[in-house]
N, C-alpha and C. Protein backbone atom coordinates (compact mmCIF):
# COMPACT_ATOMS: atom_id res chain seq x y z
N UNK A 1 0.82 -1.35 0.03
CA UNK A 1 -0.02 0.15 -0.15
C UNK A 1 0.72 1.40 0.05
N UNK A 2 1.77 1.38 0.85
CA UNK A 2 2.68 2.36 0.91
C UNK A 2 3.68 2.67 -0.58
N UNK A 3 3.75 1.66 -1.14
CA UNK A 3 4.35 1.70 -2.48
C UNK A 3 3.32 2.41 -3.50
N UNK A 4 2.22 1.74 -3.66
CA UNK A 4 1.09 2.54 -4.45
C UNK A 4 0.97 4.13 -4.28
N UNK A 5 1.07 4.47 -2.89
CA UNK A 5 0.68 5.83 -2.57
C UNK A 5 1.99 6.63 -3.04
N UNK A 6 3.17 6.00 -2.71
CA UNK A 6 4.45 7.03 -3.38
C UNK A 6 4.49 6.80 -4.74
N UNK A 7 4.09 5.82 -5.51
CA UNK A 7 4.11 5.80 -6.84
C UNK A 7 2.89 6.96 -7.49
N UNK A 8 1.74 7.35 -6.58
CA UNK A 8 0.70 7.98 -7.18
C UNK A 8 1.31 9.39 -6.86
N UNK A 9 2.00 9.54 -5.73
CA UNK A 9 2.52 10.88 -5.45
C UNK A 9 3.81 11.67 -6.25
N UNK A 10 4.43 10.30 -6.64
CA UNK A 10 5.40 10.75 -7.90
C UNK A 10 4.87 11.12 -9.30
N UNK A 11 3.82 10.29 -9.60
CA UNK A 11 3.07 10.32 -10.85
C UNK A 11 2.29 11.91 -10.80
N UNK A 12 2.00 12.31 -9.58
CA UNK A 12 1.10 13.77 -9.60
C UNK A 12 2.08 14.82 -9.80
N UNK A 13 3.08 14.52 -8.93
CA UNK A 13 4.63 15.45 -8.87
C UNK A 13 5.04 15.70 -10.29
N UNK A 14 5.08 14.82 -11.15
CA UNK A 14 5.61 14.54 -12.57
C UNK A 14 4.73 15.37 -13.38
N UNK A 15 3.70 14.87 -13.38
CA UNK A 15 2.21 15.58 -13.90
C UNK A 15 2.06 16.82 -13.70
N UNK A 16 2.35 17.31 -12.44
CA UNK A 16 2.06 18.87 -12.16
C UNK A 16 3.28 19.94 -12.71
N UNK A 17 4.42 19.10 -12.68
CA UNK A 17 5.77 19.84 -13.08
C UNK A 17 5.68 20.23 -14.55
N UNK A 18 5.37 19.38 -15.13
CA UNK A 18 5.27 19.60 -16.87
C UNK A 18 4.00 20.22 -17.13
N UNK A 19 2.70 20.45 -16.30
CA UNK A 19 1.86 21.38 -16.81
C UNK A 19 1.93 22.74 -16.61
N UNK A 20 2.81 22.84 -15.43
CA UNK A 20 2.87 24.37 -15.33
C UNK A 20 4.08 24.94 -16.24
N UNK A 21 5.11 24.04 -16.52
CA UNK A 21 6.22 24.69 -17.50
C UNK A 21 5.55 24.68 -19.22
N UNK A 22 4.80 23.95 -19.37
CA UNK A 22 4.27 24.06 -20.69
C UNK A 22 3.78 25.32 -21.21
N UNK A 23 3.03 26.09 -20.09
CA UNK A 23 2.54 27.69 -20.39
C UNK A 23 3.64 28.37 -20.87
N UNK A 24 5.07 28.07 -20.87
CA UNK A 24 6.17 29.38 -21.27
C UNK A 24 6.38 28.99 -22.50
N UNK A 25 6.87 29.88 -23.34
CA UNK A 25 7.37 29.99 -24.74
C UNK A 25 8.11 30.70 -24.84
N UNK A 26 9.42 30.57 -25.67
CA UNK A 26 10.28 31.51 -25.83
C UNK A 26 9.83 33.11 -26.54
N UNK A 27 10.53 34.03 -25.99
CA UNK A 27 10.03 35.52 -26.72
C UNK A 27 11.09 35.54 -27.68
N UNK A 28 10.67 36.20 -28.90
CA UNK A 28 11.38 36.55 -30.02
C UNK A 28 12.06 37.90 -30.07
N UNK A 29 13.01 38.06 -29.38
CA UNK A 29 13.80 39.15 -29.20
C UNK A 29 15.05 39.39 -30.20
N UNK A 30 14.98 40.12 -30.86
CA UNK A 30 16.10 40.25 -32.11
C UNK A 30 17.67 40.94 -31.60
N UNK A 31 18.16 40.01 -30.80
CA UNK A 31 19.56 40.61 -30.33
C UNK A 31 20.29 39.33 -30.16
N UNK A 32 21.59 39.71 -30.01
CA UNK A 32 22.65 38.85 -30.08
C UNK A 32 23.25 39.02 -28.58
N UNK A 33 23.08 40.40 -27.79
CA UNK A 33 23.26 40.89 -26.65
C UNK A 33 22.14 40.44 -25.52
N UNK A 34 22.52 40.36 -24.24
CA UNK A 34 21.74 40.00 -23.17
C UNK A 34 20.51 40.93 -23.12
N UNK A 35 19.32 40.56 -22.95
CA UNK A 35 18.03 41.51 -22.63
C UNK A 35 18.07 41.50 -20.97
N UNK A 36 18.44 43.14 -20.60
CA UNK A 36 18.48 43.37 -19.20
C UNK A 36 17.12 43.72 -18.49
N UNK A 37 16.25 44.03 -19.23
CA UNK A 37 14.98 44.33 -18.26
C UNK A 37 13.86 43.98 -19.81
N UNK A 38 12.80 43.71 -19.32
CA UNK A 38 11.64 43.17 -20.27
C UNK A 38 10.37 43.79 -19.44
N UNK A 39 9.60 44.51 -20.11
CA UNK A 39 8.20 44.77 -19.31
C UNK A 39 6.89 44.88 -20.31
N UNK A 40 6.13 44.62 -20.03
CA UNK A 40 4.81 44.47 -20.74
C UNK A 40 3.52 45.47 -19.95
N UNK A 41 2.99 46.34 -20.35
CA UNK A 41 2.30 47.28 -20.03
C UNK A 41 0.54 46.44 -20.08
N UNK A 42 0.28 45.59 -21.02
CA UNK A 42 -0.46 44.68 -21.33
C UNK A 42 -0.24 43.53 -22.04
N UNK A 43 -1.32 42.41 -22.78
CA UNK A 43 -0.93 41.61 -23.34
C UNK A 43 -0.18 41.84 -24.82
N UNK A 44 -0.18 42.95 -25.21
CA UNK A 44 0.48 43.35 -26.51
C UNK A 44 1.52 44.31 -26.40
N UNK A 45 1.29 45.59 -25.63
CA UNK A 45 2.37 46.33 -25.85
C UNK A 45 3.67 46.00 -24.56
N UNK A 46 4.85 46.06 -25.26
CA UNK A 46 6.14 45.97 -24.23
C UNK A 46 7.02 46.42 -24.79
N UNK A 47 8.18 46.34 -23.98
CA UNK A 47 9.44 47.06 -24.25
C UNK A 47 10.35 46.13 -23.63
N UNK A 48 11.61 46.47 -24.37
CA UNK A 48 12.98 45.38 -24.02
C UNK A 48 14.15 46.21 -23.70
N UNK A 49 15.14 46.20 -22.95
CA UNK A 49 16.30 46.98 -22.91
C UNK A 49 17.44 45.74 -23.25
N UNK A 50 18.08 46.27 -24.18
CA UNK A 50 19.25 45.42 -24.53
C UNK A 50 20.81 46.11 -24.13
N UNK A 51 21.14 45.11 -23.17
CA UNK A 51 22.42 45.70 -22.46
C UNK A 51 23.69 45.98 -23.34
N UNK A 52 23.85 45.21 -24.53
CA UNK A 52 25.07 45.44 -25.38
C UNK A 52 26.32 44.45 -24.90
N UNK A 53 27.04 44.88 -25.55
CA UNK A 53 28.50 44.14 -25.17
C UNK A 53 29.27 44.91 -23.92
N UNK A 54 30.51 44.58 -23.76
CA UNK A 54 31.09 45.33 -22.59
C UNK A 54 32.41 46.26 -23.18
N UNK A 55 32.47 47.37 -22.47
CA UNK A 55 33.74 47.89 -22.79
C UNK A 55 33.50 48.85 -24.36
N UNK A 56 34.64 48.28 -25.18
CA UNK A 56 34.60 49.16 -26.29
C UNK A 56 33.76 48.91 -27.46
N UNK A 57 32.94 47.89 -27.11
CA UNK A 57 31.63 47.70 -28.25
C UNK A 57 30.45 47.48 -27.74
N UNK A 58 29.80 48.28 -26.78
CA UNK A 58 28.76 48.30 -26.16
C UNK A 58 27.57 48.81 -27.16
N UNK A 59 27.43 47.93 -27.94
CA UNK A 59 26.27 48.50 -28.64
C UNK A 59 24.73 47.74 -28.22
N UNK A 60 23.75 48.54 -27.63
CA UNK A 60 22.63 47.84 -27.04
C UNK A 60 21.51 48.65 -27.93
N UNK A 61 20.20 48.30 -27.30
CA UNK A 61 19.06 48.72 -28.21
C UNK A 61 17.82 49.00 -27.29
N UNK A 62 16.95 49.76 -27.71
CA UNK A 62 15.59 49.66 -26.89
C UNK A 62 14.80 49.23 -27.89
N UNK A 63 13.87 48.26 -27.55
CA UNK A 63 13.21 47.61 -28.54
C UNK A 63 11.32 47.86 -27.91
N UNK A 64 10.53 47.77 -28.99
CA UNK A 64 9.39 47.77 -28.52
C UNK A 64 8.56 46.70 -29.49
N UNK A 65 7.18 46.28 -28.46
CA UNK A 65 6.75 45.38 -29.40
C UNK A 65 4.89 45.81 -29.17
N UNK A 66 4.33 45.64 -29.92
CA UNK A 66 2.89 45.85 -30.17
C UNK A 66 1.86 44.48 -30.08
N UNK A 67 2.74 43.51 -30.12
CA UNK A 67 2.08 41.97 -30.46
C UNK A 67 2.24 40.94 -29.35
N UNK A 68 2.37 41.56 -28.20
CA UNK A 68 3.04 40.26 -27.31
C UNK A 68 4.18 39.74 -27.60
N UNK A 69 5.06 40.52 -28.05
CA UNK A 69 6.65 39.91 -28.14
C UNK A 69 6.82 38.99 -29.28
N UNK A 70 5.89 38.73 -30.20
CA UNK A 70 6.00 38.24 -31.25
C UNK A 70 7.00 38.74 -32.52
N UNK A 71 6.87 40.17 -32.46
CA UNK A 71 7.80 40.95 -33.16
C UNK A 71 7.98 42.17 -32.59
N UNK A 72 9.52 42.74 -32.81
CA UNK A 72 9.92 43.72 -31.87
C UNK A 72 10.41 44.75 -33.11
N UNK A 73 10.22 46.16 -32.60
CA UNK A 73 10.52 47.28 -33.52
C UNK A 73 12.16 47.59 -32.92
N UNK A 74 13.24 48.15 -33.50
CA UNK A 74 14.29 48.70 -32.84
C UNK A 74 13.71 50.20 -32.88
N UNK A 75 13.60 50.75 -31.45
CA UNK A 75 13.57 52.29 -31.25
C UNK A 75 14.80 53.02 -31.19
N UNK A 76 15.61 52.59 -30.52
CA UNK A 76 16.97 53.18 -30.51
C UNK A 76 18.17 52.18 -30.49
N UNK A 77 19.07 52.40 -31.14
CA UNK A 77 20.51 51.27 -31.10
C UNK A 77 21.72 52.32 -31.27
N UNK A 78 22.55 51.47 -31.06
CA UNK A 78 23.96 52.35 -31.07
C UNK A 78 24.91 52.01 -29.93
N UNK A 79 25.81 52.89 -29.82
CA UNK A 79 26.84 52.75 -28.46
C UNK A 79 26.30 52.62 -27.29
N UNK A 80 24.88 53.05 -26.86
CA UNK A 80 24.40 53.13 -25.70
C UNK A 80 23.58 51.86 -25.46
N UNK A 81 24.08 51.35 -24.02
CA UNK A 81 23.39 49.94 -23.66
C UNK A 81 22.32 50.28 -22.89
N UNK A 82 21.31 49.63 -22.66
CA UNK A 82 19.72 49.99 -22.04
C UNK A 82 20.07 49.20 -20.77
N UNK A 83 19.71 49.65 -19.74
CA UNK A 83 19.69 48.69 -18.61
C UNK A 83 18.45 48.63 -17.78
N UNK A 84 17.55 49.84 -17.69
CA UNK A 84 16.37 49.44 -17.10
C UNK A 84 15.35 50.45 -17.18
N UNK A 85 13.97 50.19 -16.92
CA UNK A 85 13.07 51.10 -17.62
C UNK A 85 11.95 50.94 -16.18
N UNK A 86 11.20 52.02 -16.10
CA UNK A 86 9.93 52.33 -15.57
C UNK A 86 8.92 52.91 -16.29
N UNK A 87 7.87 52.34 -16.54
CA UNK A 87 6.74 52.99 -17.25
C UNK A 87 5.34 53.28 -16.13
N UNK A 88 5.13 54.43 -15.97
CA UNK A 88 3.95 54.96 -15.06
C UNK A 88 2.66 54.31 -15.65
N UNK A 89 2.80 54.39 -16.97
CA UNK A 89 1.59 54.10 -17.87
C UNK A 89 1.75 53.49 -19.11
N UNK A 90 0.70 53.36 -20.17
CA UNK A 90 1.16 52.78 -21.42
C UNK A 90 2.18 53.87 -22.38
N UNK A 91 1.79 55.08 -21.92
CA UNK A 91 2.86 56.13 -22.64
C UNK A 91 3.91 56.64 -21.79
N UNK A 92 4.10 56.89 -20.60
CA UNK A 92 5.09 57.55 -20.03
C UNK A 92 6.22 56.50 -19.41
N UNK A 93 7.40 56.49 -19.78
CA UNK A 93 8.23 55.84 -19.31
C UNK A 93 9.81 56.35 -19.18
N UNK A 94 10.63 55.73 -18.35
CA UNK A 94 12.18 56.09 -18.34
C UNK A 94 12.77 55.05 -18.27
N UNK A 95 13.84 55.38 -19.00
CA UNK A 95 14.92 54.13 -19.35
C UNK A 95 16.22 54.56 -19.05
N UNK A 96 16.98 54.09 -18.30
CA UNK A 96 18.49 54.49 -18.14
C UNK A 96 19.50 53.47 -19.07
N UNK A 97 20.52 53.99 -19.14
CA UNK A 97 21.35 53.49 -19.63
C UNK A 97 23.06 54.15 -19.78
N UNK A 98 23.86 53.62 -20.78
CA UNK A 98 25.22 54.33 -20.41
C UNK A 98 26.04 53.84 -21.78
N UNK A 99 27.16 54.16 -21.44
CA UNK A 99 28.40 53.89 -22.85
C UNK A 99 29.55 53.58 -22.31
N UNK A 100 30.46 53.31 -22.97
CA UNK A 100 31.68 53.19 -22.71
C UNK A 100 32.30 53.00 -24.01
N UNK A 101 32.90 54.20 -24.49
CA UNK A 101 33.12 54.30 -25.91
C UNK A 101 34.69 54.24 -26.00
N UNK A 102 35.80 54.59 -25.26
CA UNK A 102 37.22 54.42 -25.70
C UNK A 102 37.63 54.35 -24.01
N UNK A 103 38.91 53.98 -24.37
CA UNK A 103 40.03 53.57 -23.03
C UNK A 103 39.96 54.68 -22.14
N UNK A 104 39.88 55.96 -22.55
CA UNK A 104 39.96 57.14 -21.69
C UNK A 104 39.05 57.47 -20.87
N UNK A 105 38.07 56.53 -20.97
CA UNK A 105 36.83 56.77 -19.68
C UNK A 105 36.00 57.86 -20.19
N UNK A 106 35.68 58.00 -21.53
CA UNK A 106 34.82 58.98 -22.11
C UNK A 106 33.34 58.23 -22.33
N UNK A 107 33.14 57.53 -21.58
CA UNK A 107 31.67 56.70 -21.41
C UNK A 107 31.03 57.80 -20.67
N UNK A 108 29.38 57.53 -20.93
CA UNK A 108 28.27 58.39 -20.50
C UNK A 108 27.13 57.58 -19.91
N UNK A 109 26.48 58.30 -18.88
CA UNK A 109 25.28 57.65 -18.41
C UNK A 109 24.09 58.56 -18.84
N UNK A 110 23.28 57.53 -18.98
CA UNK A 110 21.85 58.57 -19.71
C UNK A 110 20.59 58.14 -18.99
N UNK A 111 19.93 59.22 -18.73
CA UNK A 111 18.26 59.02 -18.55
C UNK A 111 17.77 59.53 -19.77
N UNK A 112 16.77 58.76 -20.33
CA UNK A 112 15.62 58.83 -21.20
C UNK A 112 14.33 58.68 -20.77
N UNK A 113 13.46 59.56 -21.53
CA UNK A 113 11.70 59.57 -21.10
C UNK A 113 11.08 59.47 -22.70
N UNK A 114 10.29 58.76 -22.53
CA UNK A 114 9.04 58.51 -23.64
C UNK A 114 7.75 59.14 -23.15
N UNK A 115 7.18 59.75 -23.85
CA UNK A 115 5.92 60.41 -23.59
C UNK A 115 4.89 59.66 -24.82
N UNK A 116 5.47 58.49 -25.55
CA UNK A 116 4.74 58.22 -26.69
C UNK A 116 4.86 56.72 -26.69
N UNK A 117 4.47 55.97 -25.73
CA UNK A 117 4.85 54.45 -25.70
C UNK A 117 5.95 54.01 -25.99
N UNK A 118 7.34 54.61 -26.27
CA UNK A 118 8.25 54.31 -26.39
C UNK A 118 8.67 54.30 -27.91
N UNK A 119 8.09 55.23 -28.82
CA UNK A 119 8.24 55.46 -30.03
C UNK A 119 9.40 56.13 -30.31
N UNK A 120 9.53 57.12 -29.43
CA UNK A 120 10.81 57.89 -29.25
C UNK A 120 11.21 58.10 -28.04
N UNK A 121 12.58 58.51 -27.87
CA UNK A 121 13.34 58.34 -26.60
C UNK A 121 13.60 59.80 -26.64
N UNK A 122 13.50 60.43 -25.55
CA UNK A 122 14.31 62.07 -25.44
C UNK A 122 14.98 61.92 -24.26
N UNK A 123 16.29 62.49 -24.58
CA UNK A 123 17.47 62.47 -23.62
C UNK A 123 17.14 63.50 -22.33
N UNK A 124 17.04 63.23 -21.18
CA UNK A 124 16.86 63.62 -20.20
C UNK A 124 17.96 64.24 -19.29
N UNK A 125 18.98 63.43 -19.28
CA UNK A 125 20.22 63.62 -18.61
C UNK A 125 21.52 63.02 -19.34
N UNK A 126 22.57 63.42 -19.41
CA UNK A 126 23.73 62.94 -20.11
C UNK A 126 24.82 63.25 -18.99
N UNK A 127 25.45 62.29 -18.27
CA UNK A 127 26.25 62.35 -17.28
C UNK A 127 27.78 61.98 -17.85
N UNK A 128 28.76 62.62 -17.69
CA UNK A 128 30.03 62.35 -18.59
C UNK A 128 31.02 61.73 -17.25
N UNK A 129 30.26 61.44 -16.17
CA UNK A 129 31.44 60.68 -14.92
C UNK A 129 31.37 59.00 -15.24
N UNK A 130 32.04 58.58 -16.02
CA UNK A 130 32.30 57.21 -16.26
C UNK A 130 32.23 56.42 -15.47
N UNK A 131 32.55 56.82 -14.07
CA UNK A 131 32.50 55.90 -12.89
C UNK A 131 30.86 55.70 -12.11
N UNK A 132 30.35 56.58 -12.59
CA UNK A 132 28.67 56.75 -12.40
C UNK A 132 27.95 55.77 -13.26
N UNK A 133 27.03 54.99 -12.45
CA UNK A 133 26.24 54.51 -13.24
C UNK A 133 24.74 54.18 -12.63
N UNK A 134 23.67 54.46 -13.72
CA UNK A 134 22.32 54.33 -13.51
C UNK A 134 22.15 52.70 -13.31
N UNK A 135 21.46 52.16 -12.53
CA UNK A 135 21.15 50.66 -12.56
C UNK A 135 19.87 50.50 -12.17
N UNK A 136 18.88 51.25 -11.58
CA UNK A 136 17.49 51.33 -11.20
C UNK A 136 16.68 52.64 -11.84
N UNK A 137 15.82 52.35 -12.06
CA UNK A 137 14.77 53.38 -12.19
C UNK A 137 13.29 52.82 -11.78
N UNK A 138 12.61 53.87 -11.16
CA UNK A 138 11.15 53.53 -10.49
C UNK A 138 10.07 54.90 -10.44
N UNK A 139 9.34 55.11 -11.27
CA UNK A 139 8.71 56.09 -11.02
C UNK A 139 7.23 55.97 -10.63
N UNK A 140 6.82 56.95 -9.92
CA UNK A 140 5.14 56.64 -9.09
C UNK A 140 4.14 57.45 -9.91
N UNK A 141 4.78 58.53 -10.58
CA UNK A 141 3.78 59.18 -11.55
C UNK A 141 4.58 59.93 -12.60
N UNK A 142 4.11 60.83 -13.42
CA UNK A 142 4.47 61.06 -14.49
C UNK A 142 5.80 61.85 -14.50
N UNK A 143 5.91 62.53 -13.22
CA UNK A 143 7.03 63.04 -12.90
C UNK A 143 7.73 63.11 -11.56
N UNK A 144 7.46 62.43 -10.83
CA UNK A 144 8.10 61.65 -9.61
C UNK A 144 8.83 60.30 -9.54
N UNK A 145 9.95 60.25 -9.43
CA UNK A 145 10.62 58.73 -9.38
C UNK A 145 12.21 58.85 -8.66
N UNK A 146 12.45 57.78 -8.90
CA UNK A 146 13.94 57.92 -8.26
C UNK A 146 14.72 56.83 -9.28
N UNK A 147 16.35 57.17 -9.20
CA UNK A 147 17.27 56.53 -10.26
C UNK A 147 18.23 56.29 -9.05
N UNK A 148 18.50 54.93 -8.92
CA UNK A 148 19.58 54.50 -8.25
C UNK A 148 20.59 53.86 -9.11
N UNK A 149 22.04 53.90 -8.46
CA UNK A 149 22.88 53.63 -8.95
C UNK A 149 24.40 53.82 -8.02
N UNK A 150 25.66 53.76 -8.69
CA UNK A 150 26.99 53.98 -8.16
C UNK A 150 27.23 55.20 -8.27
N UNK A 151 27.79 55.93 -7.43
CA UNK A 151 28.42 57.28 -7.48
C UNK A 151 27.37 58.17 -7.99
N UNK A 152 25.99 58.02 -7.34
CA UNK A 152 25.21 59.25 -8.22
C UNK A 152 25.40 60.47 -7.00
């Protein structure tokens, strides 16, 4: 009897494990670099921050999807790596990022804002202190929020 209970318990665990994981599917993010942050406002509208490489080749991107992540549009790309974002609603959001462009330390740290669901990014702050990094951003309304990082 103990053997049957153990077998039924193991079958239940096995079935439960696969039924949970079968709900996941891979996202179609078009990047060779790591995704630093991804957020969705609803089932369709979402954004992704692409971190880029390291040091002298940090090509990052900011992506937008309007169909649940099936396809992604590149909103901004280049020598900026995008690290984190905070969206207050479907239209207003803030994105942090930086660049490390040469050995002299001429890297920059950026804070961007969008007011049109990420279709365009507006540069709010550019900091030339290459030791400073913006690693986290959170806004509670359209004008009030916090940016955290190193040596701010």
